[in-house]
C-alpha atoms as a PDB file:
ATOM      1  CA  UNK A   1       3.138 -10.951  -5.154  1.00  0.00           C
ATOM      2  CA  UNK A   2       4.261  -7.316  -4.745  1.00  0.00           C
ATOM      3  CA  UNK A   3       6.030  -4.939  -2.380  1.00  0.00           C
ATOM      4  CA  UNK A   4       4.970  -1.456  -1.302  1.00  0.00           C
ATOM      5  CA  UNK A   5       5.858   1.590   0.776  1.00  0.00           C
ATOM      6  CA  UNK A   6       3.750   4.440   2.129  1.00  0.00           C
ATOM      7  CA  UNK A   7       5.030   7.623   3.765  1.00  0.00           C
ATOM      8  CA  UNK A   8       3.256  10.312   5.764  1.00  0.00           C
ATOM      9  CA  UNK A   9       4.723  13.307   7.592  1.00  0.00           C
ATOM     10  CA  UNK A  10       6.533  16.503   6.748  1.00  0.00           C
ATOM     11  CA  UNK A  11       6.996  17.014   3.001  1.00  0.00           C
ATOM     12  CA  UNK A  12      10.156  15.471   1.567  1.00  0.00           C
ATOM     13  CA  UNK A  13      11.542  14.207  -1.718  1.00  0.00           C
ATOM     14  CA  UNK A  14      10.233  10.651  -2.174  1.00  0.00           C
ATOM     15  CA  UNK A  15      13.576   9.548  -3.628  1.00  0.00           C
ATOM     16  CA  UNK A  16      14.961   9.580  -0.076  1.00  0.00           C
ATOM     17  CA  UNK A  17      12.897   6.456   0.628  1.00  0.00           C
ATOM     18  CA  UNK A  18      12.198   5.055  -2.833  1.00  0.00           C
ATOM     19  CA  UNK A  19      15.804   5.082  -4.035  1.00  0.00           C
ATOM     20  CA  UNK A  20      18.296   6.003  -1.327  1.00  0.00           C
ATOM     21  CA  UNK A  21      17.673   3.622   1.587  1.00  0.00           C
ATOM     22  CA  UNK A  22      19.666   0.458   2.262  1.00  0.00           C
ATOM     23  CA  UNK A  23      16.753  -1.767   1.211  1.00  0.00           C
ATOM     24  CA  UNK A  24      14.770   0.659  -0.923  1.00  0.00           C
ATOM     25  CA  UNK A  25      11.587  -0.209  -2.789  1.00  0.00           C
ATOM     26  CA  UNK A  26      13.558  -0.185  -6.027  1.00  0.00           C
ATOM     27  CA  UNK A  27      16.045  -2.587  -4.435  1.00  0.00           C
ATOM     28  CA  UNK A  28      13.099  -4.785  -3.356  1.00  0.00           C
ATOM     29  CA  UNK A  29      11.960  -4.920  -6.966  1.00  0.00           C
ATOM     30  CA  UNK A  30      15.216  -6.756  -7.721  1.00  0.00           C
ATOM     31  CA  UNK A  31      15.569  -8.743  -4.520  1.00  0.00           C
ATOM     32  CA  UNK A  32      12.802  -9.150  -1.925  1.00  0.00           C
ATOM     33  CA  UNK A  33      13.995 -11.501   0.841  1.00  0.00           C
ATOM     34  CA  UNK A  34      10.615 -11.570   2.653  1.00  0.00           C
ATOM     35  CA  UNK A  35       8.428 -11.609  -0.440  1.00  0.00           C
ATOM     36  CA  UNK A  36       6.558 -14.491  -2.022  1.00  0.00           C
ATOM     37  CA  UNK A  37       8.547 -13.662  -5.174  1.00  0.00           C
ATOM     38  CA  UNK A  38      12.156 -12.518  -5.048  1.00  0.00           C
ATOM     39  CA  UNK A  39      11.851 -10.302  -8.137  1.00  0.00           C
ATOM     40  CA  UNK A  40       9.033  -7.764  -8.594  1.00  0.00           C
ATOM     41  CA  UNK A  41       9.644  -6.535 -12.126  1.00  0.00           C
ATOM     42  CA  UNK A  42       6.170  -6.454 -13.696  1.00  0.00           C
ATOM     43  CA  UNK A  43       5.607  -2.741 -13.384  1.00  0.00           C
ATOM     44  CA  UNK A  44       5.411  -0.179 -10.623  1.00  0.00           C
ATOM     45  CA  UNK A  45       3.395   2.775  -9.455  1.00  0.00           C
ATOM     46  CA  UNK A  46       4.004   6.004  -7.584  1.00  0.00           C
ATOM     47  CA  UNK A  47       1.200   8.142  -6.179  1.00  0.00           C
ATOM     48  CA  UNK A  48       1.697  11.374  -4.256  1.00  0.00           C
ATOM     49  CA  UNK A  49      -0.282  14.200  -2.704  1.00  0.00           C
ATOM     50  CA  UNK A  50       1.045  17.666  -3.587  1.00  0.00           C
ATOM     51  CA  UNK A  51       3.002  19.635  -1.022  1.00  0.00           C
ATOM     52  CA  UNK A  52       0.706  22.640  -1.432  1.00  0.00           C
ATOM     53  CA  UNK A  53      -2.537  20.637  -1.489  1.00  0.00           C
ATOM     54  CA  UNK A  54      -5.146  21.035   1.195  1.00  0.00           C
ATOM     55  CA  UNK A  55      -7.649  18.548   2.641  1.00  0.00           C
ATOM     56  CA  UNK A  56      -9.386  16.630  -0.112  1.00  0.00           C
ATOM     57  CA  UNK A  57      -6.766  17.405  -2.749  1.00  0.00           C
ATOM     58  CA  UNK A  58      -6.381  14.863  -5.543  1.00  0.00           C
ATOM     59  CA  UNK A  59      -3.119  12.912  -5.665  1.00  0.00           C
ATOM     60  CA  UNK A  60      -1.024  12.541  -8.801  1.00  0.00           C
ATOM     61  CA  UNK A  61      -0.028   9.114 -10.090  1.00  0.00           C
ATOM     62  CA  UNK A  62       2.700   7.721 -12.324  1.00  0.00           C
ATOM     63  CA  UNK A  63       2.415   4.065 -13.326  1.00  0.00           C
ATOM     64  CA  UNK A  64       4.470   2.032 -15.747  1.00  0.00           C
ATOM     65  CA  UNK A  65       4.959  -1.568 -16.912  1.00  0.00           C
ATOM     66  CA  UNK A  66       8.735  -1.031 -16.863  1.00  0.00           C
ATOM     67  CA  UNK A  67      10.689  -2.635 -14.008  1.00  0.00           C
ATOM     68  CA  UNK A  68      11.201  -0.024 -11.303  1.00  0.00           C
ATOM     69  CA  UNK A  69      14.960  -0.484 -11.391  1.00  0.00           C
ATOM     70  CA  UNK A  70      15.019   0.389 -15.090  1.00  0.00           C
ATOM     71  CA  UNK A  71      12.828   3.502 -15.224  1.00  0.00           C
ATOM     72  CA  UNK A  72      14.632   6.834 -15.383  1.00  0.00           C
ATOM     73  CA  UNK A  73      11.351   8.757 -15.123  1.00  0.00           C
ATOM     74  CA  UNK A  74      10.727   7.359 -11.629  1.00  0.00           C
ATOM     75  CA  UNK A  75      14.126   8.662 -10.565  1.00  0.00           C
ATOM     76  CA  UNK A  76      13.479  12.070 -12.105  1.00  0.00           C
ATOM     77  CA  UNK A  77      10.008  12.509 -10.612  1.00  0.00           C
ATOM     78  CA  UNK A  78      10.865  11.205  -7.144  1.00  0.00           C
ATOM     79  CA  UNK A  79      13.820  13.633  -7.002  1.00  0.00           C
ATOM     80  CA  UNK A  80      11.826  16.582  -8.317  1.00  0.00           C
ATOM     81  CA  UNK A  81       8.614  16.573  -6.267  1.00  0.00           C
ATOM     82  CA  UNK A  82       8.050  17.043  -2.551  1.00  0.00           C
ATOM     83  CA  UNK A  83       5.129  15.371  -0.832  1.00  0.00           C
ATOM     84  CA  UNK A  84       3.716  14.941   2.692  1.00  0.00           C
ATOM     85  CA  UNK A  85       2.132  11.587   1.784  1.00  0.00           C
ATOM     86  CA  UNK A  86       3.001   9.170  -1.001  1.00  0.00           C
ATOM     87  CA  UNK A  87       2.629   5.523  -2.071  1.00  0.00           C
ATOM     88  CA  UNK A  88       5.043   3.361  -4.068  1.00  0.00           C
ATOM     89  CA  UNK A  89       4.331  -0.163  -5.328  1.00  0.00           C
ATOM     90  CA  UNK A  90       6.359  -2.718  -7.303  1.00  0.00           C
ATOM     91  CA  UNK A  91       4.453  -5.547  -8.940  1.00  0.00           C
ATOM     92  CA  UNK A  92       4.945  -9.255  -9.550  1.00  0.00           C
ATOM     93  CA  UNK A  93       2.001 -10.260 -11.733  1.00  0.00           C
ATOM     94  CA  UNK A  94       0.378 -13.512 -10.652  1.00  0.00           C
ATOM     95  CA  UNK A  95      -2.380 -13.683 -13.228  1.00  0.00           C
ATOM     96  CA  UNK A  96      -3.805 -10.369 -14.470  1.00  0.00           C
ATOM     97  CA  UNK A  97      -1.831  -9.144 -17.494  1.00  0.00           C
ATOM     98  CA  UNK A  98       1.079  -6.745 -17.357  1.00  0.00           C
ATOM     99  CA  UNK A  99      -0.489  -3.445 -18.348  1.00  0.00           C
ATOM    100  CA  UNK A 100      -0.418   0.084 -16.982  1.00  0.00           C
ATOM    101  CA  UNK A 101      -4.011  -0.012 -15.717  1.00  0.00           C
ATOM    102  CA  UNK A 102      -3.130  -3.011 -13.528  1.00  0.00           C
ATOM    103  CA  UNK A 103      -0.295  -1.205 -11.731  1.00  0.00           C
ATOM    104  CA  UNK A 104      -0.937   0.129  -8.230  1.00  0.00           C
ATOM    105  CA  UNK A 105      -1.719   2.494  -6.590  1.00  0.00           C
ATOM    106  CA  UNK A 106      -5.298   2.975  -7.728  1.00  0.00           C
ATOM    107  CA  UNK A 107      -6.928   6.379  -7.353  1.00  0.00           C
ATOM    108  CA  UNK A 108     -10.466   7.643  -6.917  1.00  0.00           C
ATOM    109  CA  UNK A 109     -10.947  11.332  -6.195  1.00  0.00           C
ATOM    110  CA  UNK A 110      -8.752  12.035  -3.141  1.00  0.00           C
ATOM    111  CA  UNK A 111      -8.207   8.348  -2.302  1.00  0.00           C
ATOM    112  CA  UNK A 112      -5.188   6.126  -2.985  1.00  0.00           C
ATOM    113  CA  UNK A 113      -5.198   2.344  -2.582  1.00  0.00           C
ATOM    114  CA  UNK A 114      -2.611  -0.407  -3.031  1.00  0.00           C
ATOM    115  CA  UNK A 115      -2.473  -4.101  -2.183  1.00  0.00           C
ATOM    116  CA  UNK A 116       0.154  -6.810  -1.829  1.00  0.00           C
ATOM    117  CA  UNK A 117      -1.548 -10.190  -2.121  1.00  0.00           C
ATOM    118  CA  UNK A 118      -4.489 -11.652  -3.949  1.00  0.00           C
ATOM    119  CA  UNK A 119      -8.067 -12.867  -3.877  1.00  0.00           C
ATOM    120  CA  UNK A 120      -7.671 -16.589  -4.351  1.00  0.00           C
ATOM    121  CA  UNK A 121      -9.437 -18.040  -7.402  1.00  0.00           C
ATOM    122  CA  UNK A 122     -10.718 -14.582  -8.235  1.00  0.00           C
ATOM    123  CA  UNK A 123     -12.163 -15.731 -11.544  1.00  0.00           C
ATOM    124  CA  UNK A 124     -14.759 -17.862  -9.751  1.00  0.00           C
ATOM    125  CA  UNK A 125     -16.206 -14.893  -7.841  1.00  0.00           C
ATOM    126  CA  UNK A 126     -15.248 -11.954 -10.047  1.00  0.00           C
ATOM    127  CA  UNK A 127     -18.752 -11.593 -11.462  1.00  0.00           C
ATOM    128  CA  UNK A 128     -20.409 -11.513  -8.020  1.00  0.00           C
ATOM    129  CA  UNK A 129     -17.925  -9.015  -6.598  1.00  0.00           C
ATOM    130  CA  UNK A 130     -17.980  -6.755  -9.637  1.00  0.00           C
ATOM    131  CA  UNK A 131     -21.773  -6.671  -9.669  1.00  0.00           C
ATOM    132  CA  UNK A 132     -21.674  -5.578  -6.020  1.00  0.00           C
ATOM    133  CA  UNK A 133     -19.786  -2.390  -6.976  1.00  0.00           C
ATOM    134  CA  UNK A 134     -22.014   0.683  -7.077  1.00  0.00           C
ATOM    135  CA  UNK A 135     -22.948   1.439 -10.719  1.00  0.00           C
ATOM    136  CA  UNK A 136     -21.651   4.989 -10.363  1.00  0.00           C
ATOM    137  CA  UNK A 137     -18.194   3.587  -9.531  1.00  0.00           C
ATOM    138  CA  UNK A 138     -18.080   0.757 -12.038  1.00  0.00           C
ATOM    139  CA  UNK A 139     -16.820   2.938 -14.902  1.00  0.00           C
ATOM    140  CA  UNK A 140     -13.771   3.850 -12.816  1.00  0.00           C
ATOM    141  CA  UNK A 141     -12.476   0.265 -12.846  1.00  0.00           C
ATOM    142  CA  UNK A 142      -9.981   0.458 -15.709  1.00  0.00           C
ATOM    143  CA  UNK A 143      -7.891  -2.669 -15.180  1.00  0.00           C
ATOM    144  CA  UNK A 144      -8.462  -6.374 -14.581  1.00  0.00           C
ATOM    145  CA  UNK A 145      -7.015  -6.966 -11.114  1.00  0.00           C
ATOM    146  CA  UNK A 146      -8.735  -8.320  -8.036  1.00  0.00           C
ATOM    147  CA  UNK A 147      -7.148  -5.442  -6.083  1.00  0.00           C
ATOM    148  CA  UNK A 148      -8.928  -2.746  -8.075  1.00  0.00           C
ATOM    149  CA  UNK A 149     -12.272  -4.493  -7.621  1.00  0.00           C
ATOM    150  CA  UNK A 150     -11.601  -4.732  -3.876  1.00  0.00           C
ATOM    151  CA  UNK A 151     -10.883  -0.992  -3.768  1.00  0.00           C
ATOM    152  CA  UNK A 152     -14.169  -0.178  -5.504  1.00  0.00           C
ATOM    153  CA  UNK A 153     -16.055  -2.555  -3.232  1.00  0.00           C
ATOM    154  CA  UNK A 154     -14.666  -0.636  -0.251  1.00  0.00           C
ATOM    155  CA  UNK A 155     -15.674   2.661  -1.873  1.00  0.00           C
ATOM    156  CA  UNK A 156     -19.165   1.231  -2.405  1.00  0.00           C
ATOM    157  CA  UNK A 157     -19.361   0.168   1.228  1.00  0.00           C
ATOM    158  CA  UNK A 158     -18.485   3.570   2.683  1.00  0.00           C
ATOM    159  CA  UNK A 159     -14.711   4.011   2.537  1.00  0.00           C
ATOM    160  CA  UNK A 160     -15.087   7.792   2.680  1.00  0.00           C
ATOM    161  CA  UNK A 161     -17.118   7.618   5.899  1.00  0.00           C
ATOM    162  CA  UNK A 162     -15.401   4.821   7.833  1.00  0.00           C
ATOM    163  CA  UNK A 163     -12.355   3.269   6.136  1.00  0.00           C
ATOM    164  CA  UNK A 164     -11.843   0.487   8.664  1.00  0.00           C
ATOM    165  CA  UNK A 165     -15.462  -0.658   8.568  1.00  0.00           C
ATOM    166  CA  UNK A 166     -15.591  -0.384   4.773  1.00  0.00           C
ATOM    167  CA  UNK A 167     -12.471  -2.533   4.348  1.00  0.00           C
ATOM    168  CA  UNK A 168     -13.807  -5.021   6.890  1.00  0.00           C
ATOM    169  CA  UNK A 169     -17.128  -5.283   5.061  1.00  0.00           C
ATOM    170  CA  UNK A 170     -15.429  -5.574   1.658  1.00  0.00           C
ATOM    171  CA  UNK A 171     -13.181  -8.395   2.837  1.00  0.00           C
ATOM    172  CA  UNK A 172     -16.101 -10.172   4.496  1.00  0.00           C
ATOM    173  CA  UNK A 173     -17.914  -9.996   1.161  1.00  0.00           C
ATOM    174  CA  UNK A 174     -14.864 -11.504  -0.558  1.00  0.00           C
ATOM    175  CA  UNK A 175     -14.662 -14.287   2.003  1.00  0.00           C
ATOM    176  CA  UNK A 176     -18.373 -15.032   1.827  1.00  0.00           C
ATOM    177  CA  UNK A 177     -18.286 -15.265  -1.971  1.00  0.00           C
ATOM    178  CA  UNK A 178     -15.106 -17.340  -1.875  1.00  0.00           C
ATOM    179  CA  UNK A 179     -16.471 -19.749   0.717  1.00  0.00           C
ATOM    180  CA  UNK A 180     -19.632 -20.274  -1.331  1.00  0.00           C
ATOM    181  CA  UNK A 181     -17.410 -21.149  -4.300  1.00  0.00           C
ATOM    182  CA  UNK A 182     -15.599 -23.751  -2.203  1.00  0.00           C
ATOM    183  CA  UNK A 183     -12.517 -21.677  -1.343  1.00  0.00           C
ATOM    184  CA  UNK A 184     -11.584 -21.903   2.335  1.00  0.00           C
ATOM    185  CA  UNK A 185      -9.027 -19.071   2.317  1.00  0.00           C
ATOM    186  CA  UNK A 186     -10.039 -16.422  -0.234  1.00  0.00           C
ATOM    187  CA  UNK A 187      -8.211 -13.335   1.047  1.00  0.00           C
ATOM    188  CA  UNK A 188      -4.485 -12.672   1.339  1.00  0.00           C
ATOM    189  CA  UNK A 189      -2.559  -9.504   1.702  1.00  0.00           C
ATOM    190  CA  UNK A 190      -1.565  -6.164   3.096  1.00  0.00           C
ATOM    191  CA  UNK A 191      -3.404  -3.020   2.021  1.00  0.00           C
ATOM    192  CA  UNK A 192      -2.667   0.703   2.217  1.00  0.00           C
ATOM    193  CA  UNK A 193      -5.433   3.306   1.938  1.00  0.00           C
ATOM    194  CA  UNK A 194      -5.280   7.091   2.319  1.00  0.00           C
ATOM    195  CA  UNK A 195      -7.484  10.145   1.884  1.00  0.00           C
ATOM    196  CA  UNK A 196      -4.438  12.440   1.864  1.00  0.00           C
ATOM    197  CA  UNK A 197      -4.516  13.127   5.594  1.00  0.00           C
ATOM    198  CA  UNK A 198      -4.630   9.740   7.356  1.00  0.00           C
ATOM    199  CA  UNK A 199      -2.967   6.498   6.303  1.00  0.00           C
ATOM    200  CA  UNK A 200      -4.542   3.130   7.098  1.00  0.00           C
ATOM    201  CA  UNK A 201      -2.409  -0.004   6.664  1.00  0.00           C
ATOM    202  CA  UNK A 202      -4.113  -3.398   6.952  1.00  0.00           C
ATOM    203  CA  UNK A 203      -2.512  -6.793   7.462  1.00  0.00           C
ATOM    204  CA  UNK A 204      -4.934  -9.669   7.053  1.00  0.00           C
ATOM    205  CA  UNK A 205      -5.427 -13.047   5.394  1.00  0.00           C
ATOM    206  CA  UNK A 206      -8.179 -15.658   5.708  1.00  0.00           C
ATOM    207  CA  UNK A 207      -5.582 -18.246   6.666  1.00  0.00           C
ATOM    208  CA  UNK A 208      -3.927 -16.049   9.289  1.00  0.00           C
ATOM    209  CA  UNK A 209      -0.609 -16.095   7.392  1.00  0.00           C
ATOM    210  CA  UNK A 210      -0.429 -12.645   5.853  1.00  0.00           C
ATOM    211  CA  UNK A 211       2.293 -10.977   3.846  1.00  0.00           C
ATOM    212  CA  UNK A 212       4.856  -9.111   5.952  1.00  0.00           C
ATOM    213  CA  UNK A 213       4.238  -5.517   7.025  1.00  0.00           C
ATOM    214  CA  UNK A 214       6.264  -3.065   9.137  1.00  0.00           C
ATOM    215  CA  UNK A 215       6.131   0.567  10.193  1.00  0.00           C
ATOM    216  CA  UNK A 216       8.868   2.825  11.467  1.00  0.00           C
ATOM    217  CA  UNK A 217       9.280   3.826  15.085  1.00  0.00           C
ATOM    218  CA  UNK A 218       8.691   7.519  15.777  1.00  0.00           C
ATOM    219  CA  UNK A 219      11.511   9.892  14.859  1.00  0.00           C
ATOM    220  CA  UNK A 220      12.204  11.230  18.397  1.00  0.00           C
ATOM    221  CA  UNK A 221      12.674   7.646  19.601  1.00  0.00           C
ATOM    222  CA  UNK A 222      14.984   6.839  16.705  1.00  0.00           C
ATOM    223  CA  UNK A 223      17.085   9.941  17.306  1.00  0.00           C
ATOM    224  CA  UNK A 224      17.495   8.835  20.906  1.00  0.00           C
ATOM    225  CA  UNK A 225      18.517   5.349  19.796  1.00  0.00           C
ATOM    226  CA  UNK A 226      20.883   6.531  17.065  1.00  0.00           C
ATOM    227  CA  UNK A 227      22.095  10.074  17.916  1.00  0.00           C
ATOM    228  CA  UNK A 228      24.889   9.916  15.337  1.00  0.00           C
ATOM    229  CA  UNK A 229      22.703   8.803  12.429  1.00  0.00           C
ATOM    230  CA  UNK A 230      22.944  11.737  10.019  1.00  0.00           C
ATOM    231  CA  UNK A 231      20.240  10.292   7.786  1.00  0.00           C
ATOM    232  CA  UNK A 232      17.576  10.979  10.432  1.00  0.00           C
ATOM    233  CA  UNK A 233      18.085  14.723   9.926  1.00  0.00           C
ATOM    234  CA  UNK A 234      16.218  14.370   6.603  1.00  0.00           C
ATOM    235  CA  UNK A 235      12.984  13.565   8.440  1.00  0.00           C
ATOM    236  CA  UNK A 236      10.646  15.754  10.463  1.00  0.00           C
ATOM    237  CA  UNK A 237       9.167  14.928  13.857  1.00  0.00           C
ATOM    238  CA  UNK A 238       6.010  13.427  12.316  1.00  0.00           C
ATOM    239  CA  UNK A 239       7.639  11.275   9.618  1.00  0.00           C
ATOM    240  CA  UNK A 240       6.287   7.728   9.450  1.00  0.00           C
ATOM    241  CA  UNK A 241       6.804   4.898   6.989  1.00  0.00           C
ATOM    242  CA  UNK A 242       4.823   1.715   6.422  1.00  0.00           C
ATOM    243  CA  UNK A 243       6.541  -0.845   4.237  1.00  0.00           C
ATOM    244  CA  UNK A 244       6.444  -4.495   3.197  1.00  0.00           C
ATOM    245  CA  UNK A 245      10.019  -5.041   4.405  1.00  0.00           C
ATOM    246  CA  UNK A 246      12.332  -3.002   6.665  1.00  0.00           C
ATOM    247  CA  UNK A 247      14.348  -0.408   4.780  1.00  0.00           C
ATOM    248  CA  UNK A 248      17.421  -0.914   6.953  1.00  0.00           C
ATOM    249  CA  UNK A 249      19.022  -3.536   9.182  1.00  0.00           C
ATOM    250  CA  UNK A 250      19.306  -1.251  12.226  1.00  0.00           C
ATOM    251  CA  UNK A 251      17.548  -2.863  15.223  1.00  0.00           C
ATOM    252  CA  UNK A 252      14.387  -1.176  16.449  1.00  0.00           C
ATOM    253  CA  UNK A 253      13.858   1.106  13.464  1.00  0.00           C
ATOM    254  CA  UNK A 254      10.988  -0.928  12.027  1.00  0.00           C
ATOM    255  CA  UNK A 255       8.240  -2.628  14.026  1.00  0.00           C
ATOM    256  CA  UNK A 256       6.155  -5.474  12.650  1.00  0.00           C
ATOM    257  CA  UNK A 257       2.421  -4.867  12.285  1.00  0.00           C
ATOM    258  CA  UNK A 258       0.653  -7.813  13.966  1.00  0.00           C
ATOM    259  CA  UNK A 259      -1.553 -10.239  12.095  1.00  0.00           C
ATOM    260  CA  UNK A 260      -5.210  -9.168  11.636  1.00  0.00           C
ATOM    261  CA  UNK A 261      -4.400  -5.568  12.536  1.00  0.00           C
ATOM    262  CA  UNK A 262      -4.828  -2.114  11.042  1.00  0.00           C
ATOM    263  CA  UNK A 263      -2.151   0.500  11.713  1.00  0.00           C
ATOM    264  CA  UNK A 264      -3.543   4.033  11.676  1.00  0.00           C
ATOM    265  CA  UNK A 265      -0.978   6.771  11.024  1.00  0.00           C
ATOM    266  CA  UNK A 266      -1.695  10.499  11.242  1.00  0.00           C
ATOM    267  CA  UNK A 267      -0.277  13.677  12.769  1.00  0.00           C
ATOM    268  CA  UNK A 268      -0.794  12.246  16.245  1.00  0.00           C
ATOM    269  CA  UNK A 269       1.491   9.277  15.536  1.00  0.00           C
ATOM    270  CA  UNK A 270       0.470   5.688  15.008  1.00  0.00           C
ATOM    271  CA  UNK A 271      -1.832   3.252  16.726  1.00  0.00           C
ATOM    272  CA  UNK A 272      -2.904  -0.341  16.133  1.00  0.00           C
ATOM    273  CA  UNK A 273      -6.481  -1.592  16.125  1.00  0.00           C
ATOM    274  CA  UNK A 274      -7.779  -5.161  15.774  1.00  0.00           C
ATOM    275  CA  UNK A 275      -9.140  -5.684  12.295  1.00  0.00           C
ATOM    276  CA  UNK A 276     -10.620  -9.115  11.515  1.00  0.00           C
ATOM    277  CA  UNK A 277     -10.173 -12.525  13.050  1.00  0.00           C
ATOM    278  CA  UNK A 278      -9.240 -15.133  10.457  1.00  0.00           C
END
């Protein structure tokens, strides 16, 4: 359906990861070996928190229906800014139309959200799920995707207070509505959520066969494994990446996030927690 990357750590130019890696996100937009679709050319999005922003600062977003490989503005912006936390997403539209408001990441106040996957047969349960969104949030749904509704469901259910519980409750609501409509496996995907300080990355599907998801090993470990790798000098001690597919072929650099798991990444490093049982 889509591919995405999220970074957290010391501020850097996003182009280092978006454009300049062996298997960059832009390269994935043209050729995604692990994706459900090889080409992800139906738009892209880039969201970043400012280098000089404090806790609770609002991220900036740039979204376009152009293919990521063909957009000069993405290259210019990702070279020009520096950010301690950013999201990038390339889209393969499976149903909702190709329009800017349907491109990820989605933003609400200091929150960013993006999703690779789908709510199966969303049209059958769209009304129920949309009506469950808090009325004060409803006006902030600008597009037509299942992902944006899921984000606003999680906001309704307390994302700001407990992101893991809110995502769990939102997905349970999706599965309950889907099951009532006769759909055995309503939920599929990997999800990234951030408040600008912590990054939560979820891997879950109702069928237990989720889209791929990986995160990088910690930088000190990688420097020990590859002492001659000059590229590692671009990253600080706290740099961490979560991505749909490994950005390089070097063994041990990227670790797979297990099924039905949330990876929590912050200044302390990363940890895994059980999320939902399919």
